[in-house]
Amino acid sequence: MIWRHFGEVQKIVLELKILRKSRERTLAEGLEQTWQYLDRVGEGSGHLVILDRSDRPWEEKLYRRKETHRGRRITVWGC
């Protein structure tokens, strides 16, 4: 997402993945894809949202964790 804020251009990289495989595989693929977007726009950090549409309780689905992938910081949100 790119928009103007107080006269400056702000860029936020936000990737959404739907959990279809294992959590570990979805996370690995999502981190790599988010890193590629970060590299393309020249940003140092971004966000990866993993949407779990299973019947698991919300307590298991909701989380936030910080990852570093190839030198870039990515906040991972589970929901």
N, C-alpha and C. Protein backbone atom coordinates (compact mmCIF):
# COMPACT_ATOMS: atom_id res chain seq x y z
N MET A 1 0.85 -1.16 0.00
CA MET A 1 0.00 0.00 0.00
C MET A 1 0.90 1.23 0.00
N ILE A 2 0.54 2.19 -0.79
CA ILE A 2 1.29 3.45 -0.85
C ILE A 2 0.28 4.59 -0.75
N TRP A 3 0.55 5.55 0.13
CA TRP A 3 -0.30 6.72 0.22
C TRP A 3 0.50 7.89 0.77
N ARG A 4 -0.07 9.05 0.64
CA ARG A 4 0.56 10.27 1.15
C ARG A 4 0.05 10.54 2.56
N HIS A 5 0.98 10.92 3.42
CA HIS A 5 0.65 11.22 4.81
C HIS A 5 1.53 12.38 5.24
N PHE A 6 0.91 13.49 5.58
CA PHE A 6 1.63 14.70 5.96
C PHE A 6 2.69 15.07 4.92
N GLY A 7 2.30 14.97 3.65
CA GLY A 7 3.19 15.39 2.57
C GLY A 7 4.26 14.39 2.19
N GLU A 8 4.33 13.27 2.88
CA GLU A 8 5.33 12.24 2.57
C GLU A 8 4.63 11.01 2.00
N VAL A 9 5.37 10.25 1.23
CA VAL A 9 4.85 9.00 0.71
C VAL A 9 5.20 7.91 1.71
N GLN A 10 4.19 7.14 2.13
CA GLN A 10 4.41 6.02 3.03
C GLN A 10 4.13 4.73 2.29
N LYS A 11 4.97 3.74 2.53
CA LYS A 11 4.80 2.43 1.92
C LYS A 11 4.69 1.41 3.04
N ILE A 12 3.69 0.56 2.94
CA ILE A 12 3.54 -0.53 3.89
C ILE A 12 3.34 -1.81 3.09
N VAL A 13 4.17 -2.78 3.35
CA VAL A 13 4.04 -4.07 2.67
C VAL A 13 3.20 -4.97 3.58
N LEU A 14 2.11 -5.47 3.01
CA LEU A 14 1.18 -6.32 3.74
C LEU A 14 0.82 -7.50 2.84
N GLU A 15 1.18 -8.69 3.26
CA GLU A 15 0.88 -9.90 2.49
C GLU A 15 -0.13 -10.73 3.28
N LEU A 16 -1.13 -11.26 2.59
CA LEU A 16 -2.15 -12.10 3.21
C LEU A 16 -2.05 -13.50 2.62
N LYS A 17 -1.93 -14.50 3.49
CA LYS A 17 -1.91 -15.89 3.06
C LYS A 17 -3.03 -16.62 3.79
N ILE A 18 -3.73 -17.48 3.06
CA ILE A 18 -4.74 -18.33 3.67
C ILE A 18 -4.07 -19.66 4.01
N LEU A 19 -4.24 -20.09 5.24
CA LEU A 19 -3.64 -21.33 5.71
C LEU A 19 -4.34 -22.51 5.03
N ARG A 20 -3.64 -23.12 4.08
CA ARG A 20 -4.19 -24.27 3.36
C ARG A 20 -3.34 -25.51 3.59
N LYS A 21 -2.07 -25.29 3.85
CA LYS A 21 -1.14 -26.39 4.08
C LYS A 21 -0.83 -26.39 5.58
N SER A 22 0.32 -26.82 5.93
CA SER A 22 0.71 -26.74 7.33
C SER A 22 1.05 -25.29 7.69
N ARG A 23 0.99 -24.97 8.97
CA ARG A 23 1.38 -23.63 9.41
C ARG A 23 2.81 -23.32 9.03
N GLU A 24 3.69 -24.31 9.20
CA GLU A 24 5.11 -24.10 8.92
C GLU A 24 5.34 -23.79 7.44
N ARG A 25 4.68 -24.53 6.57
CA ARG A 25 4.86 -24.30 5.13
C ARG A 25 4.24 -22.97 4.70
N THR A 26 3.06 -22.66 5.22
CA THR A 26 2.42 -21.38 4.90
C THR A 26 3.30 -20.22 5.38
N LEU A 27 3.86 -20.36 6.58
CA LEU A 27 4.74 -19.33 7.11
C LEU A 27 5.98 -19.17 6.24
N ALA A 28 6.62 -20.27 5.89
CA ALA A 28 7.84 -20.21 5.06
C ALA A 28 7.56 -19.55 3.72
N GLU A 29 6.47 -19.96 3.07
CA GLU A 29 6.14 -19.38 1.77
C GLU A 29 5.76 -17.91 1.91
N GLY A 30 5.02 -17.58 2.96
CA GLY A 30 4.61 -16.20 3.18
C GLY A 30 5.77 -15.28 3.50
N LEU A 31 6.72 -15.75 4.30
CA LEU A 31 7.89 -14.94 4.61
C LEU A 31 8.69 -14.64 3.35
N GLU A 32 8.87 -15.65 2.51
CA GLU A 32 9.63 -15.44 1.27
C GLU A 32 8.91 -14.47 0.34
N GLN A 33 7.60 -14.62 0.20
CA GLN A 33 6.86 -13.73 -0.68
C GLN A 33 6.86 -12.30 -0.14
N THR A 34 6.70 -12.15 1.16
CA THR A 34 6.73 -10.82 1.77
C THR A 34 8.11 -10.20 1.58
N TRP A 35 9.17 -10.99 1.75
CA TRP A 35 10.52 -10.50 1.54
C TRP A 35 10.69 -9.99 0.11
N GLN A 36 10.16 -10.73 -0.86
CA GLN A 36 10.27 -10.31 -2.27
C GLN A 36 9.61 -8.96 -2.49
N TYR A 37 8.43 -8.75 -1.90
CA TYR A 37 7.77 -7.45 -2.02
C TYR A 37 8.59 -6.36 -1.34
N LEU A 38 9.11 -6.64 -0.16
CA LEU A 38 9.94 -5.67 0.54
C LEU A 38 11.16 -5.29 -0.29
N ASP A 39 11.78 -6.28 -0.89
CA ASP A 39 12.96 -6.04 -1.72
C ASP A 39 12.58 -5.19 -2.93
N ARG A 40 11.45 -5.47 -3.53
CA ARG A 40 11.02 -4.75 -4.73
C ARG A 40 10.77 -3.27 -4.44
N VAL A 41 10.16 -2.96 -3.29
CA VAL A 41 9.84 -1.56 -2.99
C VAL A 41 10.90 -0.88 -2.12
N GLY A 42 11.90 -1.63 -1.69
CA GLY A 42 12.99 -1.05 -0.92
C GLY A 42 12.66 -0.75 0.52
N GLU A 43 11.77 -1.51 1.11
CA GLU A 43 11.41 -1.31 2.51
C GLU A 43 12.13 -2.33 3.39
N GLY A 44 12.34 -1.97 4.65
CA GLY A 44 13.06 -2.84 5.57
C GLY A 44 12.19 -3.72 6.43
N SER A 45 10.87 -3.42 6.45
CA SER A 45 9.98 -4.23 7.29
C SER A 45 8.59 -4.24 6.68
N GLY A 46 7.83 -5.28 7.07
CA GLY A 46 6.47 -5.41 6.57
C GLY A 46 5.67 -6.35 7.44
N HIS A 47 4.50 -6.74 6.93
CA HIS A 47 3.57 -7.55 7.69
C HIS A 47 3.07 -8.72 6.85
N LEU A 48 2.93 -9.86 7.50
CA LEU A 48 2.37 -11.06 6.90
C LEU A 48 1.19 -11.49 7.76
N VAL A 49 0.00 -11.58 7.16
CA VAL A 49 -1.20 -12.02 7.86
C VAL A 49 -1.53 -13.42 7.37
N ILE A 50 -1.66 -14.36 8.30
CA ILE A 50 -2.02 -15.73 7.95
C ILE A 50 -3.43 -15.98 8.48
N LEU A 51 -4.34 -16.18 7.54
CA LEU A 51 -5.75 -16.37 7.87
C LEU A 51 -6.05 -17.86 7.98
N ASP A 52 -6.44 -18.28 9.17
CA ASP A 52 -6.76 -19.68 9.46
C ASP A 52 -8.28 -19.84 9.46
N ARG A 53 -8.80 -20.48 8.43
CA ARG A 53 -10.25 -20.63 8.30
C ARG A 53 -10.75 -21.96 8.87
N SER A 54 -9.92 -22.62 9.63
CA SER A 54 -10.31 -23.91 10.22
C SER A 54 -11.25 -23.70 11.40
N ASP A 55 -11.63 -24.81 12.01
CA ASP A 55 -12.52 -24.77 13.18
C ASP A 55 -11.75 -24.66 14.49
N ARG A 56 -10.45 -24.41 14.41
CA ARG A 56 -9.67 -24.26 15.65
C ARG A 56 -10.23 -23.11 16.49
N PRO A 57 -10.09 -23.19 17.79
CA PRO A 57 -10.54 -22.08 18.65
C PRO A 57 -9.71 -20.82 18.37
N TRP A 58 -10.32 -19.66 18.58
CA TRP A 58 -9.63 -18.39 18.34
C TRP A 58 -8.34 -18.28 19.15
N GLU A 59 -8.31 -18.88 20.32
CA GLU A 59 -7.11 -18.81 21.16
C GLU A 59 -5.90 -19.42 20.44
N GLU A 60 -6.12 -20.38 19.56
CA GLU A 60 -5.04 -21.01 18.81
C GLU A 60 -4.72 -20.24 17.52
N LYS A 61 -5.71 -19.53 16.99
CA LYS A 61 -5.53 -18.83 15.72
C LYS A 61 -4.87 -17.46 15.88
N LEU A 62 -5.15 -16.78 16.99
CA LEU A 62 -4.69 -15.40 17.15
C LEU A 62 -3.30 -15.35 17.76
N TYR A 63 -2.39 -14.72 17.05
CA TYR A 63 -1.04 -14.53 17.58
C TYR A 63 -0.35 -13.43 16.79
N ARG A 64 0.74 -12.96 17.34
CA ARG A 64 1.62 -12.01 16.67
C ARG A 64 3.04 -12.39 17.03
N ARG A 65 3.88 -12.45 16.03
CA ARG A 65 5.29 -12.74 16.30
C ARG A 65 6.16 -12.00 15.31
N LYS A 66 7.36 -11.74 15.73
CA LYS A 66 8.31 -11.01 14.88
C LYS A 66 9.30 -12.00 14.30
N GLU A 67 9.52 -11.89 13.01
CA GLU A 67 10.45 -12.74 12.30
C GLU A 67 11.46 -11.87 11.57
N THR A 68 12.61 -12.43 11.28
CA THR A 68 13.57 -11.80 10.39
C THR A 68 13.83 -12.79 9.28
N HIS A 69 13.61 -12.33 8.05
CA HIS A 69 13.81 -13.19 6.88
C HIS A 69 14.73 -12.47 5.92
N ARG A 70 15.89 -13.05 5.69
CA ARG A 70 16.91 -12.48 4.80
C ARG A 70 17.19 -11.02 5.14
N GLY A 71 17.29 -10.75 6.44
CA GLY A 71 17.68 -9.43 6.90
C GLY A 71 16.56 -8.41 7.01
N ARG A 72 15.33 -8.80 6.71
CA ARG A 72 14.22 -7.86 6.80
C ARG A 72 13.26 -8.31 7.90
N ARG A 73 12.72 -7.33 8.63
CA ARG A 73 11.82 -7.62 9.74
C ARG A 73 10.39 -7.77 9.21
N ILE A 74 9.75 -8.86 9.60
CA ILE A 74 8.38 -9.13 9.18
C ILE A 74 7.57 -9.50 10.42
N THR A 75 6.52 -8.75 10.67
CA THR A 75 5.61 -9.07 11.76
C THR A 75 4.55 -10.03 11.20
N VAL A 76 4.40 -11.17 11.84
CA VAL A 76 3.44 -12.19 11.40
C VAL A 76 2.24 -12.14 12.32
N TRP A 77 1.06 -12.02 11.72
CA TRP A 77 -0.19 -11.96 12.44
C TRP A 77 -1.01 -13.19 12.10
N GLY A 78 -1.42 -13.93 13.09
CA GLY A 78 -2.30 -15.08 12.87
C GLY A 78 -3.71 -14.72 13.25
N CYS A 79 -4.63 -15.08 12.40
CA CYS A 79 -6.04 -14.82 12.72
C CYS A 79 -6.93 -15.83 12.01
